[in-house]
C-alpha cells in the first residue's frame, strides 16, 4: 500500500518539487509538497542501513542502540532536529541525506541515502 505524506517546507521548492498545497504549522501557513514515500519502505531502509545500531526505533525490535537519541515517537519527542532546525519532514529528509553537511564532525555518518530513501525513512519515523 502506498501512502502520501505531506511535507511542510521552509521555503518553496526546498526539495526541488512543486508546491501543491498548504499546511498549517504553529499557526502559520507553509507551502507543502507531496511525496509517495512508503513507511514500509522506510522501515526496510532503516534495517538495511543499520540505524538501530545507534538508535532505539519503535516497531523495530533490532533497533536498540543508545549512541544516538531514541527515534520512537519522533514527531512528538523532538521539537527540533539537533536543536538547530524545526522538526519538519523536509528538515528530517535534509538531515538524513546530508548529516555531515548540517553538523560537520557530528556522530551521524553520511550513509549515502538518496532523496527517495530519506523520504521513506522520514515517512516511517513520522508515522509511528
Protein backbone atom coordinates (compact mmCIF):
# COMPACT_ATOMS: atom_id res chain seq x y z
CA UNK A 1 0.00 0.00 0.00
CA UNK A 2 1.38 3.39 -0.96
CA UNK A 3 0.64 6.37 1.23
CA UNK A 4 1.05 10.06 0.60
CA UNK A 5 2.93 12.18 3.09
CA UNK A 6 2.50 15.93 3.19
CA UNK A 7 5.86 17.52 3.79
CA UNK A 8 5.83 21.13 5.03
CA UNK A 9 8.83 23.04 3.73
CA UNK A 10 10.57 26.16 4.97
CA UNK A 11 10.82 27.67 1.52
CA UNK A 12 9.03 26.78 -1.69
CA UNK A 13 10.89 24.18 -3.66
CA UNK A 14 13.26 23.22 -0.84
CA UNK A 15 13.34 19.66 -2.11
CA UNK A 16 13.10 20.59 -5.75
CA UNK A 17 9.41 19.74 -6.04
CA UNK A 18 6.48 21.94 -6.83
CA UNK A 19 4.20 23.44 -4.25
CA UNK A 20 0.88 21.65 -4.30
CA UNK A 21 -0.96 22.87 -1.22
CA UNK A 22 -0.69 24.48 2.17
CA UNK A 23 -0.49 23.08 5.64
CA UNK A 24 -0.62 24.81 8.98
CA UNK A 25 2.28 24.60 11.41
CA UNK A 26 2.32 26.73 14.54
CA UNK A 27 -0.49 28.91 13.20
CA UNK A 28 1.46 29.90 10.09
CA UNK A 29 0.63 28.68 6.62
CA UNK A 30 3.56 26.93 4.98
CA UNK A 31 3.91 25.65 1.46
CA UNK A 32 3.51 21.88 1.30
CA UNK A 33 4.55 19.28 -1.19
CA UNK A 34 3.66 15.65 -1.51
CA UNK A 35 5.68 12.54 -1.91
CA UNK A 36 4.67 8.96 -2.40
CA UNK A 37 7.11 7.85 0.30
CA UNK A 38 6.25 4.49 1.78
CA UNK A 39 6.59 4.00 5.56
CA UNK A 40 7.01 0.25 4.91
CA UNK A 41 9.93 1.01 2.59
CA UNK A 42 11.30 3.36 5.24
CA UNK A 43 11.28 0.53 7.77
CA UNK A 44 13.18 -1.69 5.32
CA UNK A 45 15.76 1.04 4.76
CA UNK A 46 16.17 1.68 8.49
CA UNK A 47 17.01 -2.00 8.87
CA UNK A 48 19.22 -2.06 5.75
CA UNK A 49 21.31 0.94 6.82
CA UNK A 50 21.59 -0.34 10.39
CA UNK A 51 20.07 2.74 12.03
CA UNK A 52 19.16 0.59 15.03
CA UNK A 53 22.84 0.12 15.89
CA UNK A 54 22.78 3.69 17.21
CA UNK A 55 19.07 4.42 17.83
CA UNK A 56 16.07 2.90 19.57
CA UNK A 57 13.29 2.95 16.98
CA UNK A 58 9.71 1.92 17.70
CA UNK A 59 8.39 -1.07 15.82
CA UNK A 60 11.86 -2.41 15.00
CA UNK A 61 12.97 -4.97 17.58
CA UNK A 62 16.60 -4.91 16.47
CA UNK A 63 16.80 -1.11 16.79
CA UNK A 64 18.10 -0.86 20.32
CA UNK A 65 21.25 1.30 20.12
CA UNK A 66 21.97 4.05 22.59
CA UNK A 67 24.66 6.09 20.79
CA UNK A 68 22.13 8.49 19.25
CA UNK A 69 18.80 9.69 20.60
CA UNK A 70 15.75 7.41 20.55
CA UNK A 71 13.67 7.91 17.42
CA UNK A 72 10.45 6.35 18.74
CA UNK A 73 7.54 8.84 18.57
CA UNK A 74 9.86 11.12 16.63
CA UNK A 75 7.27 13.79 15.84
CA UNK A 76 6.25 14.27 19.49
CA UNK A 77 9.61 13.75 21.19
CA UNK A 78 11.78 16.09 19.18
CA UNK A 79 10.53 19.68 18.69
CA UNK A 80 13.79 20.44 16.91
CA UNK A 81 16.27 18.37 14.96
CA UNK A 82 19.66 18.68 16.69
CA UNK A 83 18.43 21.86 18.34
CA UNK A 84 19.28 23.54 15.02
CA UNK A 85 16.13 23.43 12.91
CA UNK A 86 12.40 22.86 13.36
CA UNK A 87 11.25 19.26 13.33
CA UNK A 88 9.58 19.06 9.94
CA UNK A 89 9.63 16.18 7.46
CA UNK A 90 11.56 18.34 4.97
CA UNK A 91 14.27 19.09 7.53
CA UNK A 92 14.45 15.45 8.58
CA UNK A 93 14.92 14.43 4.93
CA UNK A 94 17.72 17.01 4.59
CA UNK A 95 19.37 15.66 7.77
CA UNK A 96 19.16 12.01 6.69
CA UNK A 97 20.63 12.83 3.28
CA UNK A 98 23.47 15.08 4.46
CA UNK A 99 24.14 14.83 8.19
CA UNK A 100 27.79 15.86 7.90
CA UNK A 101 26.89 18.93 5.84
CA UNK A 102 24.42 20.08 8.50
CA UNK A 103 26.56 19.14 11.51
CA UNK A 104 30.19 18.67 10.44
CA UNK A 105 32.10 16.27 12.69
CA UNK A 106 28.84 15.10 14.26
CA UNK A 107 28.32 11.46 15.20
CA UNK A 108 25.79 10.73 12.44
CA UNK A 109 27.63 9.27 9.45
CA UNK A 110 26.80 10.13 5.88
CA UNK A 111 25.35 6.84 4.64
CA UNK A 112 24.74 7.98 1.07
CA UNK A 113 20.96 7.85 1.42
CA UNK A 114 19.25 9.49 -1.53
CA UNK A 115 16.16 11.67 -1.54
CA UNK A 116 13.62 8.87 -2.07
CA UNK A 117 15.18 6.74 0.65
CA UNK A 118 15.32 9.66 3.07
CA UNK A 119 11.67 10.48 2.36
CA UNK A 120 10.68 6.86 3.06
CA UNK A 121 12.65 6.82 6.33
CA UNK A 122 11.03 10.11 7.36
CA UNK A 123 7.60 8.69 6.46
CA UNK A 124 8.25 5.74 8.80
CA UNK A 125 9.53 7.90 11.66
CA UNK A 126 6.64 10.38 11.39
CA UNK A 127 4.10 7.60 11.11
CA UNK A 128 4.89 5.74 14.31
